[in-house]
All heavy atoms as atom14 arrays in JSON, in Angstrom:
{
  "sequence": "CHLLLSPGLAGPLRWLENCLRRAAEDREEDGVSHPVPLVPLTEENEDA",
  "atom14_mask": [
    [1, 1, 1, 1, 1, 1, 0, 0, 0, 0, 0, 0, 0, 0],
    [1, 1, 1, 1, 1, 1, 1, 1, 1, 1, 0, 0, 0, 0],
    [1, 1, 1, 1, 1, 1, 1, 1, 0, 0, 0, 0, 0, 0],
    [1, 1, 1, 1, 1, 1, 1, 1, 0, 0, 0, 0, 0, 0],
    [1, 1, 1, 1, 1, 1, 1, 1, 0, 0, 0, 0, 0, 0],
    [1, 1, 1, 1, 1, 1, 0, 0, 0, 0, 0, 0, 0, 0],
    [1, 1, 1, 1, 1, 1, 1, 0, 0, 0, 0, 0, 0, 0],
    [1, 1, 1, 1, 0, 0, 0, 0, 0, 0, 0, 0, 0, 0],
    [1, 1, 1, 1, 1, 1, 1, 1, 0, 0, 0, 0, 0, 0],
    [1, 1, 1, 1, 1, 0, 0, 0, 0, 0, 0, 0, 0, 0],
    [1, 1, 1, 1, 0, 0, 0, 0, 0, 0, 0, 0, 0, 0],
    [1, 1, 1, 1, 1, 1, 1, 0, 0, 0, 0, 0, 0, 0],
    [1, 1, 1, 1, 1, 1, 1, 1, 0, 0, 0, 0, 0, 0],
    [1, 1, 1, 1, 1, 1, 1, 1, 1, 1, 1, 0, 0, 0],
    [1, 1, 1, 1, 1, 1, 1, 1, 1, 1, 1, 1, 1, 1],
    [1, 1, 1, 1, 1, 1, 1, 1, 0, 0, 0, 0, 0, 0],
    [1, 1, 1, 1, 1, 1, 1, 1, 1, 0, 0, 0, 0, 0],
    [1, 1, 1, 1, 1, 1, 1, 1, 0, 0, 0, 0, 0, 0],
    [1, 1, 1, 1, 1, 1, 0, 0, 0, 0, 0, 0, 0, 0],
    [1, 1, 1, 1, 1, 1, 1, 1, 0, 0, 0, 0, 0, 0],
    [1, 1, 1, 1, 1, 1, 1, 1, 1, 1, 1, 0, 0, 0],
    [1, 1, 1, 1, 1, 1, 1, 1, 1, 1, 1, 0, 0, 0],
    [1, 1, 1, 1, 1, 0, 0, 0, 0, 0, 0, 0, 0, 0],
    [1, 1, 1, 1, 1, 0, 0, 0, 0, 0, 0, 0, 0, 0],
    [1, 1, 1, 1, 1, 1, 1, 1, 1, 0, 0, 0, 0, 0],
    [1, 1, 1, 1, 1, 1, 1, 1, 0, 0, 0, 0, 0, 0],
    [1, 1, 1, 1, 1, 1, 1, 1, 1, 1, 1, 0, 0, 0],
    [1, 1, 1, 1, 1, 1, 1, 1, 1, 0, 0, 0, 0, 0],
    [1, 1, 1, 1, 1, 1, 1, 1, 1, 0, 0, 0, 0, 0],
    [1, 1, 1, 1, 1, 1, 1, 1, 0, 0, 0, 0, 0, 0],
    [1, 1, 1, 1, 0, 0, 0, 0, 0, 0, 0, 0, 0, 0],
    [1, 1, 1, 1, 1, 1, 1, 0, 0, 0, 0, 0, 0, 0],
    [1, 1, 1, 1, 1, 1, 0, 0, 0, 0, 0, 0, 0, 0],
    [1, 1, 1, 1, 1, 1, 1, 1, 1, 1, 0, 0, 0, 0],
    [1, 1, 1, 1, 1, 1, 1, 0, 0, 0, 0, 0, 0, 0],
    [1, 1, 1, 1, 1, 1, 1, 0, 0, 0, 0, 0, 0, 0],
    [1, 1, 1, 1, 1, 1, 1, 0, 0, 0, 0, 0, 0, 0],
    [1, 1, 1, 1, 1, 1, 1, 1, 0, 0, 0, 0, 0, 0],
    [1, 1, 1, 1, 1, 1, 1, 0, 0, 0, 0, 0, 0, 0],
    [1, 1, 1, 1, 1, 1, 1, 0, 0, 0, 0, 0, 0, 0],
    [1, 1, 1, 1, 1, 1, 1, 1, 0, 0, 0, 0, 0, 0],
    [1, 1, 1, 1, 1, 1, 1, 0, 0, 0, 0, 0, 0, 0],
    [1, 1, 1, 1, 1, 1, 1, 1, 1, 0, 0, 0, 0, 0],
    [1, 1, 1, 1, 1, 1, 1, 1, 1, 0, 0, 0, 0, 0],
    [1, 1, 1, 1, 1, 1, 1, 1, 0, 0, 0, 0, 0, 0],
    [1, 1, 1, 1, 1, 1, 1, 1, 1, 0, 0, 0, 0, 0],
    [1, 1, 1, 1, 1, 1, 1, 1, 0, 0, 0, 0, 0, 0],
    [1, 1, 1, 1, 1, 0, 0, 0, 0, 0, 0, 0, 0, 0]
  ],
  "atom14_positions": [
    [[0.83, -1.2, 0.0], [0.0, 0.0, 0.0], [0.86, 1.25, 0.0], [0.58, 2.21, -0.72], [-0.92, 0.01, 1.21], [-2.13, -1.32, 1.16], [0.0, 0.0, 0.0], [0.0, 0.0, 0.0], [0.0, 0.0, 0.0], [0.0, 0.0, 0.0], [0.0, 0.0, 0.0], [0.0, 0.0, 0.0], [0.0, 0.0, 0.0], [0.0, 0.0, 0.0]],
    [[1.93, 1.24, 0.8], [2.82, 2.39, 0.83], [3.48, 2.61, -0.52], [3.62, 3.74, -0.98], [3.91, 2.19, 1.89], [3.47, 2.63, 3.26], [3.45, 3.94, 3.64], [3.03, 1.92, 4.33], [3.02, 4.03, 4.89], [2.75, 2.81, 5.32], [0.0, 0.0, 0.0], [0.0, 0.0, 0.0], [0.0, 0.0, 0.0], [0.0, 0.0, 0.0]],
    [[3.89, 1.52, -1.16], [4.55, 1.65, -2.45], [3.62, 2.27, -3.47], [4.05, 3.07, -4.31], [5.0, 0.27, -2.95], [6.23, -0.31, -2.25], [6.48, -1.73, -2.71], [7.45, 0.54, -2.52], [0.0, 0.0, 0.0], [0.0, 0.0, 0.0], [0.0, 0.0, 0.0], [0.0, 0.0, 0.0], [0.0, 0.0, 0.0], [0.0, 0.0, 0.0]],
    [[2.35, 1.88, -3.41], [1.41, 2.39, -4.41], [1.17, 3.88, -4.22], [0.8, 4.56, -5.16], [0.1, 1.62, -4.31], [0.31, 0.16, -4.7], [-0.83, -0.69, -4.23], [0.47, 0.04, -6.2], [0.0, 0.0, 0.0], [0.0, 0.0, 0.0], [0.0, 0.0, 0.0], [0.0, 0.0, 0.0], [0.0, 0.0, 0.0], [0.0, 0.0, 0.0]],
    [[1.4, 4.37, -2.99], [1.24, 5.8, -2.77], [2.49, 6.55, -3.2], [2.45, 7.75, -3.4], [0.97, 6.07, -1.28], [-0.32, 5.43, -0.76], [-0.42, 5.62, 0.75], [-1.53, 6.03, -1.45], [0.0, 0.0, 0.0], [0.0, 0.0, 0.0], [0.0, 0.0, 0.0], [0.0, 0.0, 0.0], [0.0, 0.0, 0.0], [0.0, 0.0, 0.0]],
    [[3.62, 5.84, -3.33], [4.84, 6.51, -3.73], [4.76, 6.88, -5.2], [4.36, 6.07, -6.03], [6.05, 5.58, -3.53], [6.02, 5.02, -2.25], [0.0, 0.0, 0.0], [0.0, 0.0, 0.0], [0.0, 0.0, 0.0], [0.0, 0.0, 0.0], [0.0, 0.0, 0.0], [0.0, 0.0, 0.0], [0.0, 0.0, 0.0], [0.0, 0.0, 0.0]],
    [[5.15, 8.11, -5.53], [5.11, 8.5, -6.94], [6.11, 7.69, -7.75], [7.19, 7.36, -7.26], [5.5, 9.98, -6.9], [6.24, 10.16, -5.61], [5.67, 9.15, -4.65], [0.0, 0.0, 0.0], [0.0, 0.0, 0.0], [0.0, 0.0, 0.0], [0.0, 0.0, 0.0], [0.0, 0.0, 0.0], [0.0, 0.0, 0.0], [0.0, 0.0, 0.0]],
    [[5.72, 7.32, -8.95], [6.65, 6.66, -9.86], [6.81, 5.18, -9.65], [7.63, 4.56, -10.31], [0.0, 0.0, 0.0], [0.0, 0.0, 0.0], [0.0, 0.0, 0.0], [0.0, 0.0, 0.0], [0.0, 0.0, 0.0], [0.0, 0.0, 0.0], [0.0, 0.0, 0.0], [0.0, 0.0, 0.0], [0.0, 0.0, 0.0], [0.0, 0.0, 0.0]],
    [[6.07, 4.57, -8.73], [6.25, 3.14, -8.53], [5.15, 2.29, -9.14], [5.24, 1.07, -9.15], [6.39, 2.82, -7.04], [7.77, 3.15, -6.45], [7.83, 2.79, -4.98], [8.87, 2.44, -7.21], [0.0, 0.0, 0.0], [0.0, 0.0, 0.0], [0.0, 0.0, 0.0], [0.0, 0.0, 0.0], [0.0, 0.0, 0.0], [0.0, 0.0, 0.0]],
    [[4.1, 2.92, -9.66], [3.02, 2.13, -10.28], [3.56, 1.36, -11.49], [3.25, 0.19, -11.68], [1.87, 3.04, -10.68], [0.0, 0.0, 0.0], [0.0, 0.0, 0.0], [0.0, 0.0, 0.0], [0.0, 0.0, 0.0], [0.0, 0.0, 0.0], [0.0, 0.0, 0.0], [0.0, 0.0, 0.0], [0.0, 0.0, 0.0], [0.0, 0.0, 0.0]],
    [[4.37, 2.02, -12.3], [4.95, 1.37, -13.48], [5.82, 0.19, -13.1], [5.64, -0.93, -13.6], [0.0, 0.0, 0.0], [0.0, 0.0, 0.0], [0.0, 0.0, 0.0], [0.0, 0.0, 0.0], [0.0, 0.0, 0.0], [0.0, 0.0, 0.0], [0.0, 0.0, 0.0], [0.0, 0.0, 0.0], [0.0, 0.0, 0.0], [0.0, 0.0, 0.0]],
    [[6.82, 0.41, -12.21], [7.67, -0.72, -11.79], [6.88, -1.86, -11.17], [7.23, -3.02, -11.37], [8.6, -0.07, -10.76], [8.69, 1.35, -11.19], [7.35, 1.69, -11.78], [0.0, 0.0, 0.0], [0.0, 0.0, 0.0], [0.0, 0.0, 0.0], [0.0, 0.0, 0.0], [0.0, 0.0, 0.0], [0.0, 0.0, 0.0], [0.0, 0.0, 0.0]],
    [[5.82, -1.55, -10.43], [5.02, -2.63, -9.84], [4.36, -3.46, -10.93], [4.29, -4.68, -10.85], [3.96, -2.06, -8.88], [4.49, -1.63, -7.51], [3.44, -0.85, -6.76], [4.95, -2.84, -6.7], [0.0, 0.0, 0.0], [0.0, 0.0, 0.0], [0.0, 0.0, 0.0], [0.0, 0.0, 0.0], [0.0, 0.0, 0.0], [0.0, 0.0, 0.0]],
    [[3.87, -2.77, -11.97], [3.25, -3.5, -13.07], [4.29, -4.34, -13.8], [4.01, -5.47, -14.21], [2.59, -2.5, -14.04], [1.51, -3.13, -14.89], [0.69, -2.05, -15.58], [0.09, -1.16, -14.58], [-0.18, 0.12, -14.81], [0.1, 0.67, -15.97], [-0.74, 0.86, -13.87], [0.0, 0.0, 0.0], [0.0, 0.0, 0.0], [0.0, 0.0, 0.0]],
    [[5.5, -3.78, -13.93], [6.6, -4.52, -14.57], [6.93, -5.77, -13.75], [7.09, -6.86, -14.31], [7.81, -3.58, -14.68], [9.12, -4.27, -14.91], [9.53, -4.91, -16.05], [10.2, -4.4, -13.97], [10.79, -5.42, -15.87], [11.22, -5.12, -14.62], [10.39, -3.95, -12.66], [12.44, -5.42, -13.98], [11.59, -4.25, -12.04], [12.6, -4.98, -12.69]],
    [[6.99, -5.61, -12.42], [7.27, -6.74, -11.55], [6.19, -7.81, -11.68], [6.47, -9.01, -11.78], [7.36, -6.25, -10.1], [7.54, -7.31, -9.01], [8.82, -8.1, -9.22], [7.53, -6.66, -7.64], [0.0, 0.0, 0.0], [0.0, 0.0, 0.0], [0.0, 0.0, 0.0], [0.0, 0.0, 0.0], [0.0, 0.0, 0.0], [0.0, 0.0, 0.0]],
    [[4.94, -7.35, -11.71], [3.81, -8.27, -11.86], [3.95, -9.07, -13.16], [3.77, -10.29, -13.19], [2.52, -7.45, -11.87], [1.25, -8.28, -11.99], [0.07, -7.4, -12.38], [0.1, -6.18, -12.13], [-0.88, -7.94, -12.97], [0.0, 0.0, 0.0], [0.0, 0.0, 0.0], [0.0, 0.0, 0.0], [0.0, 0.0, 0.0], [0.0, 0.0, 0.0]],
    [[4.31, -8.38, -14.25], [4.48, -9.06, -15.54], [5.63, -10.06, -15.49], [5.53, -11.16, -16.05], [4.74, -8.04, -16.66], [3.48, -7.25, -16.99], [2.37, -7.72, -16.77], [3.66, -6.05, -17.5], [0.0, 0.0, 0.0], [0.0, 0.0, 0.0], [0.0, 0.0, 0.0], [0.0, 0.0, 0.0], [0.0, 0.0, 0.0], [0.0, 0.0, 0.0]],
    [[6.73, -9.69, -14.83], [7.86, -10.62, -14.7], [7.43, -11.89, -13.99], [7.79, -13.0, -14.39], [9.0, -9.95, -13.91], [9.82, -8.61, -14.78], [0.0, 0.0, 0.0], [0.0, 0.0, 0.0], [0.0, 0.0, 0.0], [0.0, 0.0, 0.0], [0.0, 0.0, 0.0], [0.0, 0.0, 0.0], [0.0, 0.0, 0.0], [0.0, 0.0, 0.0]],
    [[6.65, -11.73, -12.92], [6.21, -12.89, -12.14], [5.31, -13.79, -12.99], [5.44, -15.02, -12.98], [5.46, -12.43, -10.89], [6.32, -11.7, -9.84], [5.44, -10.99, -8.82], [7.25, -12.67, -9.13], [0.0, 0.0, 0.0], [0.0, 0.0, 0.0], [0.0, 0.0, 0.0], [0.0, 0.0, 0.0], [0.0, 0.0, 0.0], [0.0, 0.0, 0.0]],
    [[4.37, -13.15, -13.73], [3.47, -13.95, -14.56], [4.23, -14.69, -15.67], [3.95, -15.85, -15.96], [2.4, -13.05, -15.19], [1.36, -12.58, -14.2], [0.21, -11.87, -14.91], [-0.54, -11.0, -13.99], [-1.42, -11.42, -13.11], [-1.68, -12.7, -13.0], [-2.05, -10.57, -12.33], [0.0, 0.0, 0.0], [0.0, 0.0, 0.0], [0.0, 0.0, 0.0]],
    [[5.19, -13.99, -16.27], [5.94, -14.62, -17.36], [6.73, -15.8, -16.82], [6.78, -16.86, -17.45], [6.88, -13.58, -18.01], [7.22, -13.92, -19.45], [7.95, -12.78, -20.14], [7.17, -11.53, -20.1], [7.66, -10.35, -19.71], [8.92, -10.25, -19.32], [6.9, -9.29, -19.72], [0.0, 0.0, 0.0], [0.0, 0.0, 0.0], [0.0, 0.0, 0.0]],
    [[7.34, -15.62, -15.64], [8.1, -16.71, -15.04], [7.18, -17.9, -14.77], [7.55, -19.06, -15.0], [8.77, -16.24, -13.75], [0.0, 0.0, 0.0], [0.0, 0.0, 0.0], [0.0, 0.0, 0.0], [0.0, 0.0, 0.0], [0.0, 0.0, 0.0], [0.0, 0.0, 0.0], [0.0, 0.0, 0.0], [0.0, 0.0, 0.0], [0.0, 0.0, 0.0]],
    [[5.97, -17.62, -14.3], [5.02, -18.7, -14.01], [4.69, -19.47, -15.29], [4.67, -20.71, -15.31], [3.75, -18.13, -13.39], [0.0, 0.0, 0.0], [0.0, 0.0, 0.0], [0.0, 0.0, 0.0], [0.0, 0.0, 0.0], [0.0, 0.0, 0.0], [0.0, 0.0, 0.0], [0.0, 0.0, 0.0], [0.0, 0.0, 0.0], [0.0, 0.0, 0.0]],
    [[4.45, -18.72, -16.37], [4.09, -19.39, -17.63], [5.26, -20.23, -18.14], [5.08, -21.36, -18.59], [3.7, -18.34, -18.68], [2.29, -17.8, -18.46], [2.04, -16.49, -19.2], [2.76, -16.2, -20.18], [1.12, -15.75, -18.77], [0.0, 0.0, 0.0], [0.0, 0.0, 0.0], [0.0, 0.0, 0.0], [0.0, 0.0, 0.0], [0.0, 0.0, 0.0]],
    [[6.48, -19.67, -18.09], [7.65, -20.41, -18.56], [7.82, -21.7, -17.78], [8.09, -22.75, -18.35], [8.91, -19.56, -18.4], [8.94, -18.41, -19.41], [8.09, -18.42, -20.34], [9.77, -17.5, -19.25], [0.0, 0.0, 0.0], [0.0, 0.0, 0.0], [0.0, 0.0, 0.0], [0.0, 0.0, 0.0], [0.0, 0.0, 0.0], [0.0, 0.0, 0.0]],
    [[7.64, -21.62, -16.46], [7.86, -22.81, -15.63], [6.8, -23.86, -15.91], [7.09, -25.06, -15.85], [7.85, -22.42, -14.15], [9.15, -21.75, -13.78], [9.2, -21.14, -12.41], [10.41, -20.3, -12.37], [10.93, -19.78, -11.27], [10.35, -19.99, -10.11], [12.01, -19.05, -11.32], [0.0, 0.0, 0.0], [0.0, 0.0, 0.0], [0.0, 0.0, 0.0]],
    [[5.59, -23.44, -16.22], [4.55, -24.41, -16.55], [4.85, -25.09, -17.88], [4.69, -26.3, -18.03], [3.18, -23.72, -16.6], [2.58, -23.53, -15.22], [1.25, -22.79, -15.25], [0.95, -22.13, -16.26], [0.52, -22.88, -14.26], [0.0, 0.0, 0.0], [0.0, 0.0, 0.0], [0.0, 0.0, 0.0], [0.0, 0.0, 0.0], [0.0, 0.0, 0.0]],
    [[5.28, -24.28, -18.86], [5.54, -24.85, -20.19], [6.74, -25.78, -20.16], [6.69, -26.9, -20.67], [5.79, -23.72, -21.2], [4.5, -23.05, -21.67], [4.79, -21.81, -22.51], [5.89, -21.74, -23.12], [3.92, -20.92, -22.56], [0.0, 0.0, 0.0], [0.0, 0.0, 0.0], [0.0, 0.0, 0.0], [0.0, 0.0, 0.0], [0.0, 0.0, 0.0]],
    [[7.85, -25.31, -19.58], [9.09, -26.09, -19.63], [9.1, -27.21, -18.61], [9.77, -28.22, -18.79], [10.31, -25.19, -19.37], [10.34, -24.01, -20.33], [9.62, -24.08, -21.35], [11.04, -23.04, -20.05], [0.0, 0.0, 0.0], [0.0, 0.0, 0.0], [0.0, 0.0, 0.0], [0.0, 0.0, 0.0], [0.0, 0.0, 0.0], [0.0, 0.0, 0.0]],
    [[8.36, -27.03, -17.52], [8.45, -27.99, -16.43], [9.77, -27.89, -15.7], [10.12, -28.73, -14.89], [0.0, 0.0, 0.0], [0.0, 0.0, 0.0], [0.0, 0.0, 0.0], [0.0, 0.0, 0.0], [0.0, 0.0, 0.0], [0.0, 0.0, 0.0], [0.0, 0.0, 0.0], [0.0, 0.0, 0.0], [0.0, 0.0, 0.0], [0.0, 0.0, 0.0]],
    [[10.57, -26.86, -16.03], [11.87, -26.67, -15.39], [11.9, -25.28, -14.79], [11.36, -24.34, -15.38], [13.01, -26.78, -16.43], [14.36, -26.66, -15.73], [12.91, -28.09, -17.18], [0.0, 0.0, 0.0], [0.0, 0.0, 0.0], [0.0, 0.0, 0.0], [0.0, 0.0, 0.0], [0.0, 0.0, 0.0], [0.0, 0.0, 0.0], [0.0, 0.0, 0.0]],
    [[12.51, -25.15, -13.62], [12.6, -23.84, -12.99], [14.03, -23.34, -12.97], [14.93, -24.03, -12.48], [12.07, -23.91, -11.55], [10.7, -24.22, -11.57], [0.0, 0.0, 0.0], [0.0, 0.0, 0.0], [0.0, 0.0, 0.0], [0.0, 0.0, 0.0], [0.0, 0.0, 0.0], [0.0, 0.0, 0.0], [0.0, 0.0, 0.0], [0.0, 0.0, 0.0]],
    [[14.26, -22.19, -13.56], [15.54, -21.52, -13.45], [15.3, -20.2, -12.72], [14.23, -19.63, -12.86], [16.13, -21.2, -14.82], [16.27, -22.4, -15.7], [17.23, -23.36, -15.49], [15.55, -22.8, -16.78], [17.1, -24.3, -16.42], [16.09, -23.99, -17.21], [0.0, 0.0, 0.0], [0.0, 0.0, 0.0], [0.0, 0.0, 0.0], [0.0, 0.0, 0.0]],
    [[16.32, -19.73, -11.98], [16.17, -18.39, -11.42], [16.04, -17.38, -12.55], [16.72, -17.49, -13.57], [17.48, -18.18, -10.65], [18.07, -19.54, -10.46], [17.59, -20.36, -11.62], [0.0, 0.0, 0.0], [0.0, 0.0, 0.0], [0.0, 0.0, 0.0], [0.0, 0.0, 0.0], [0.0, 0.0, 0.0], [0.0, 0.0, 0.0], [0.0, 0.0, 0.0]],
    [[15.14, -16.43, -12.39], [14.92, -15.43, -13.42], [15.4, -14.07, -12.91], [14.87, -13.57, -11.92], [13.42, -15.32, -13.78], [13.2, -14.27, -14.86], [12.89, -16.67, -14.22], [0.0, 0.0, 0.0], [0.0, 0.0, 0.0], [0.0, 0.0, 0.0], [0.0, 0.0, 0.0], [0.0, 0.0, 0.0], [0.0, 0.0, 0.0], [0.0, 0.0, 0.0]],
    [[16.41, -13.48, -13.56], [16.85, -12.17, -13.09], [15.82, -11.09, -13.42], [15.19, -11.13, -14.47], [18.15, -11.93, -13.86], [18.07, -12.82, -15.05], [17.2, -13.99, -14.68], [0.0, 0.0, 0.0], [0.0, 0.0, 0.0], [0.0, 0.0, 0.0], [0.0, 0.0, 0.0], [0.0, 0.0, 0.0], [0.0, 0.0, 0.0], [0.0, 0.0, 0.0]],
    [[15.64, -10.17, -12.49], [14.77, -9.01, -12.74], [15.65, -7.92, -13.35], [16.4, -7.26, -12.63], [14.16, -8.51, -11.43], [13.01, -9.31, -10.84], [12.61, -8.71, -9.49], [11.81, -9.32, -11.77], [0.0, 0.0, 0.0], [0.0, 0.0, 0.0], [0.0, 0.0, 0.0], [0.0, 0.0, 0.0], [0.0, 0.0, 0.0], [0.0, 0.0, 0.0]],
    [[15.56, -7.76, -14.64], [16.42, -6.79, -15.33], [15.61, -5.53, -15.64], [14.76, -5.55, -16.53], [16.97, -7.4, -16.64], [17.95, -6.43, -17.29], [17.64, -8.74, -16.37], [0.0, 0.0, 0.0], [0.0, 0.0, 0.0], [0.0, 0.0, 0.0], [0.0, 0.0, 0.0], [0.0, 0.0, 0.0], [0.0, 0.0, 0.0], [0.0, 0.0, 0.0]],
    [[15.85, -4.45, -14.91], [15.08, -3.23, -15.17], [15.56, -2.57, -16.46], [16.74, -2.22, -16.58], [15.39, -2.35, -13.96], [16.69, -2.85, -13.4], [16.83, -4.28, -13.83], [0.0, 0.0, 0.0], [0.0, 0.0, 0.0], [0.0, 0.0, 0.0], [0.0, 0.0, 0.0], [0.0, 0.0, 0.0], [0.0, 0.0, 0.0], [0.0, 0.0, 0.0]],
    [[14.68, -2.43, -17.43], [15.08, -1.88, -18.73], [14.78, -0.39, -18.83], [15.17, 0.24, -19.79], [14.36, -2.63, -19.85], [14.73, -4.11, -19.93], [13.88, -4.83, -20.96], [16.21, -4.29, -20.26], [0.0, 0.0, 0.0], [0.0, 0.0, 0.0], [0.0, 0.0, 0.0], [0.0, 0.0, 0.0], [0.0, 0.0, 0.0], [0.0, 0.0, 0.0]],
    [[14.05, 0.15, -17.86], [13.76, 1.59, -17.91], [14.35, 2.25, -16.67], [14.6, 1.6, -15.65], [12.24, 1.85, -17.92], [11.71, 1.45, -16.66], [11.55, 1.09, -19.03], [0.0, 0.0, 0.0], [0.0, 0.0, 0.0], [0.0, 0.0, 0.0], [0.0, 0.0, 0.0], [0.0, 0.0, 0.0], [0.0, 0.0, 0.0], [0.0, 0.0, 0.0]],
    [[14.56, 3.55, -16.78], [15.1, 4.31, -15.65], [14.18, 4.2, -14.44], [14.62, 4.06, -13.3], [15.24, 5.77, -16.07], [16.4, 6.49, -15.41], [16.62, 7.86, -16.04], [16.73, 7.95, -17.27], [16.63, 8.83, -15.27], [0.0, 0.0, 0.0], [0.0, 0.0, 0.0], [0.0, 0.0, 0.0], [0.0, 0.0, 0.0], [0.0, 0.0, 0.0]],
    [[12.87, 4.24, -14.72], [11.88, 4.15, -13.64], [12.05, 2.85, -12.86], [12.05, 2.83, -11.64], [10.48, 4.23, -14.28], [9.37, 4.51, -13.29], [7.99, 4.49, -13.93], [7.81, 3.77, -14.94], [7.1, 5.18, -13.42], [0.0, 0.0, 0.0], [0.0, 0.0, 0.0], [0.0, 0.0, 0.0], [0.0, 0.0, 0.0], [0.0, 0.0, 0.0]],
    [[12.22, 1.75, -13.62], [12.38, 0.45, -12.96], [13.72, 0.37, -12.23], [13.8, -0.24, -11.16], [12.28, -0.68, -13.99], [10.87, -0.8, -14.56], [9.93, -0.2, -14.05], [10.72, -1.56, -15.62], [0.0, 0.0, 0.0], [0.0, 0.0, 0.0], [0.0, 0.0, 0.0], [0.0, 0.0, 0.0], [0.0, 0.0, 0.0], [0.0, 0.0, 0.0]],
    [[14.77, 0.98, -12.81], [16.06, 0.98, -12.13], [15.95, 1.71, -10.8], [16.48, 1.25, -9.78], [17.12, 1.66, -13.01], [17.66, 0.77, -14.11], [18.67, 1.51, -14.98], [19.42, 2.35, -14.43], [18.71, 1.25, -16.19], [0.0, 0.0, 0.0], [0.0, 0.0, 0.0], [0.0, 0.0, 0.0], [0.0, 0.0, 0.0], [0.0, 0.0, 0.0]],
    [[15.27, 2.86, -10.81], [15.1, 3.61, -9.56], [14.38, 2.76, -8.53], [14.73, 2.73, -7.35], [14.3, 4.9, -9.8], [15.11, 5.91, -10.6], [16.34, 5.72, -10.73], [14.52, 6.87, -11.11], [0.0, 0.0, 0.0], [0.0, 0.0, 0.0], [0.0, 0.0, 0.0], [0.0, 0.0, 0.0], [0.0, 0.0, 0.0], [0.0, 0.0, 0.0]],
    [[13.33, 2.06, -8.98], [12.56, 1.24, -8.06], [13.43, 0.15, -7.46], [13.33, -0.16, -6.26], [11.36, 0.62, -8.77], [0.0, 0.0, 0.0], [0.0, 0.0, 0.0], [0.0, 0.0, 0.0], [0.0, 0.0, 0.0], [0.0, 0.0, 0.0], [0.0, 0.0, 0.0], [0.0, 0.0, 0.0], [0.0, 0.0, 0.0], [0.0, 0.0, 0.0]]
  ]
}
């Protein structure tokens, strides 16, 4: 809740959410789990 009130974190939170969903889909398809690095591609995500 605090993060959502912080300016500029809505985008990174959505990015994080997408990373988690993509990892879930990959693990279901491959049946294999690898650690997935969170690579921030935008300045906003890097700040977060």
